[in-house]
Amino acid sequence: MDIPVAQVRSMDLRLFVSTRKNSPPPSLSTSHVLRYANAMLDEQDFRRKADAAFDDLKRRLLMLGDEHGFDVEGESGKLEVIFEEPEEAKFVISPNTPVREIWISALSTSFKLGWSDSKNAFISEKTGENLLEVMSRVVSQQLGEQVSL
């Protein structure tokens, strides 16, 4: 029984457990199943988790900005971190609700973080870093000195 990817996105992961001897359809690898399982937060749950993460991140960035001379602006889930020194730059952190990820645009790079129940945090699939670790790294690179959020 092959299940198209479009249907997989709207299905509960438990359906995979009950089909084809506890394995996903051959057209879908296990990594895809796990990736879609992470994206299956309902919209309200995602917004609640993203809002809490953004509130915490904003508070930490404001304190760090006071120490290191950068500005933090934004409400309603979108944050902008604005640097004038050592060179002008703007980092944008925003929720992408349709795919249930937080996206960061910083240092000419895009970072995409999805929710991890096991780590209770938004995590970069590429690096394994959580939101605060990614932001600490990119702010440190921008400032030219190690900082921690």
Protein backbone atom coordinates (compact mmCIF):
# COMPACT_ATOMS: atom_id res chain seq x y z
CA MET A 1 0.00 0.00 0.00
CA ASP A 2 1.71 3.19 -1.17
CA ILE A 3 0.65 6.40 0.53
CA PRO A 4 1.43 9.67 -1.27
CA VAL A 5 3.54 12.17 0.66
CA ALA A 6 0.70 14.71 0.58
CA GLN A 7 -1.47 12.29 2.56
CA VAL A 8 1.37 11.46 4.94
CA ARG A 9 1.59 15.10 6.04
CA SER A 10 -1.99 15.04 7.24
CA MET A 11 -1.91 11.59 8.79
CA ASP A 12 -1.13 10.67 12.36
CA LEU A 13 2.14 8.77 12.78
CA ARG A 14 0.21 5.98 14.54
CA LEU A 15 -1.31 5.03 11.21
CA PHE A 16 2.13 3.94 10.05
CA VAL A 17 2.46 1.67 13.04
CA SER A 18 -0.74 -0.13 12.16
CA THR A 19 0.09 -0.62 8.45
CA ARG A 20 2.53 -2.83 6.60
CA LYS A 21 3.99 -4.71 9.55
CA ASN A 22 4.96 -1.57 11.49
CA SER A 23 6.93 0.02 8.68
CA PRO A 24 6.30 3.12 6.60
CA PRO A 25 5.36 2.79 2.95
CA PRO A 26 8.35 1.94 0.74
CA SER A 27 8.02 5.31 -0.99
CA LEU A 28 8.78 7.05 2.31
CA SER A 29 11.98 6.57 4.31
CA THR A 30 12.02 6.43 8.09
CA SER A 31 13.76 9.81 8.25
CA HIS A 32 10.89 11.35 6.29
CA VAL A 33 8.36 9.81 8.66
CA LEU A 34 10.20 11.24 11.66
CA ARG A 35 10.56 14.65 10.01
CA TYR A 36 6.82 14.79 9.30
CA ALA A 37 6.03 13.55 12.80
CA ASN A 38 7.89 16.57 14.19
CA ALA A 39 5.90 18.88 11.91
CA MET A 40 2.60 17.45 13.09
CA LEU A 41 2.21 19.79 16.05
CA ASP A 42 -1.19 21.34 15.74
CA GLU A 43 -1.16 25.04 14.95
CA GLN A 44 -2.16 26.19 18.44
CA ASP A 45 0.48 24.02 20.10
CA PHE A 46 3.13 25.29 17.67
CA ARG A 47 2.15 28.92 18.29
CA ARG A 48 2.21 28.40 22.05
CA LYS A 49 5.68 26.81 21.95
CA ALA A 50 7.00 29.37 19.45
CA ASP A 51 5.62 32.33 21.47
CA ALA A 52 7.27 31.02 24.65
CA ALA A 53 10.58 30.50 22.81
CA PHE A 54 10.40 33.99 21.28
CA ASP A 55 9.59 35.66 24.61
CA ASP A 56 12.56 33.96 26.24
CA LEU A 57 14.86 34.72 23.29
CA LYS A 58 13.79 38.37 23.16
CA ARG A 59 14.40 38.86 26.89
CA ARG A 60 17.87 37.33 26.60
CA LEU A 61 18.75 39.28 23.44
CA LEU A 62 17.64 42.59 25.01
CA MET A 63 19.98 42.03 27.97
CA LEU A 64 22.83 40.99 25.67
CA GLY A 65 22.12 43.93 23.36
CA ASP A 66 22.47 46.37 26.25
CA GLU A 67 25.91 44.90 27.01
CA HIS A 68 27.16 44.73 23.41
CA GLY A 69 25.46 47.65 21.67
CA PHE A 70 22.92 46.06 19.33
CA ASP A 71 19.15 46.56 19.09
CA VAL A 72 16.32 44.07 19.26
CA GLU A 73 12.95 44.91 17.74
CA GLY A 74 9.76 43.04 17.06
CA GLU A 75 6.49 41.76 18.36
CA SER A 76 4.01 39.05 17.45
CA GLY A 77 6.62 36.37 17.03
CA LYS A 78 9.01 38.12 14.63
CA LEU A 79 12.29 39.46 15.99
CA GLU A 80 14.95 41.57 14.32
CA VAL A 81 18.43 41.88 15.77
CA ILE A 82 20.11 44.99 14.36
CA PHE A 83 23.86 45.57 14.51
CA GLU A 84 25.70 48.76 13.62
CA GLU A 85 29.12 47.58 14.82
CA PRO A 86 31.50 46.02 13.91
CA GLU A 87 29.53 46.16 10.64
CA GLU A 88 25.88 46.72 9.82
CA ALA A 89 23.75 43.59 9.82
CA LYS A 90 20.21 42.45 10.55
CA PHE A 91 19.17 39.01 11.76
CA VAL A 92 15.51 38.03 11.39
CA ILE A 93 13.90 35.31 13.49
CA SER A 94 10.35 34.34 12.59
CA PRO A 95 7.91 31.47 12.96
CA ASN A 96 6.86 29.61 9.83
CA THR A 97 3.55 28.23 11.02
CA PRO A 98 2.60 26.18 7.92
CA VAL A 99 5.71 23.99 8.31
CA ARG A 100 5.85 24.35 12.13
CA GLU A 101 9.42 25.69 12.17
CA ILE A 102 11.28 28.73 13.41
CA TRP A 103 13.39 30.29 10.69
CA ILE A 104 16.46 32.42 11.28
CA SER A 105 18.11 34.54 8.62
CA ALA A 106 21.58 35.55 9.80
CA LEU A 107 25.07 35.88 8.34
CA SER A 108 23.80 35.21 4.79
CA THR A 109 22.48 31.85 5.98
CA SER A 110 19.05 30.42 6.68
CA PHE A 111 18.50 28.19 9.71
CA LYS A 112 15.35 26.09 10.14
CA LEU A 113 14.47 24.73 13.56
CA GLY A 114 11.71 22.21 14.25
CA TRP A 115 10.20 21.19 17.56
CA SER A 116 11.75 18.24 19.40
CA ASP A 117 9.59 16.66 22.09
CA SER A 118 12.57 14.77 23.49
CA LYS A 119 14.60 17.98 23.95
CA ASN A 120 11.58 20.19 24.66
CA ALA A 121 13.04 22.83 22.34
CA PHE A 122 13.28 24.00 18.76
CA ILE A 123 16.26 22.20 17.21
CA SER A 124 18.22 22.60 13.98
CA GLU A 125 18.08 19.29 12.14
CA LYS A 126 21.42 20.06 10.44
CA THR A 127 23.46 20.95 13.52
CA GLY A 128 21.49 19.59 16.48
CA GLU A 129 21.67 23.01 18.16
CA ASN A 130 18.69 24.51 19.95
CA LEU A 131 17.41 28.04 19.30
CA LEU A 132 19.57 29.67 21.98
CA GLU A 133 22.70 27.83 20.80
CA VAL A 134 22.18 28.87 17.17
CA MET A 135 21.57 32.48 18.17
CA SER A 136 24.57 32.51 20.55
CA ARG A 137 26.78 31.24 17.73
CA VAL A 138 25.62 33.73 15.08
CA VAL A 139 25.66 36.72 17.45
CA SER A 140 29.17 35.71 18.58
CA GLN A 141 30.30 35.52 14.95
CA GLN A 142 28.79 38.94 14.20
CA LEU A 143 30.36 40.59 17.25
CA GLY A 144 33.70 38.84 16.93
CA GLU A 145 33.60 37.68 20.54
CA GLN A 146 32.05 34.76 22.39
CA VAL A 147 28.64 35.46 23.93
CA SER A 148 26.06 33.15 25.42
CA LEU A 149 22.30 33.56 25.60
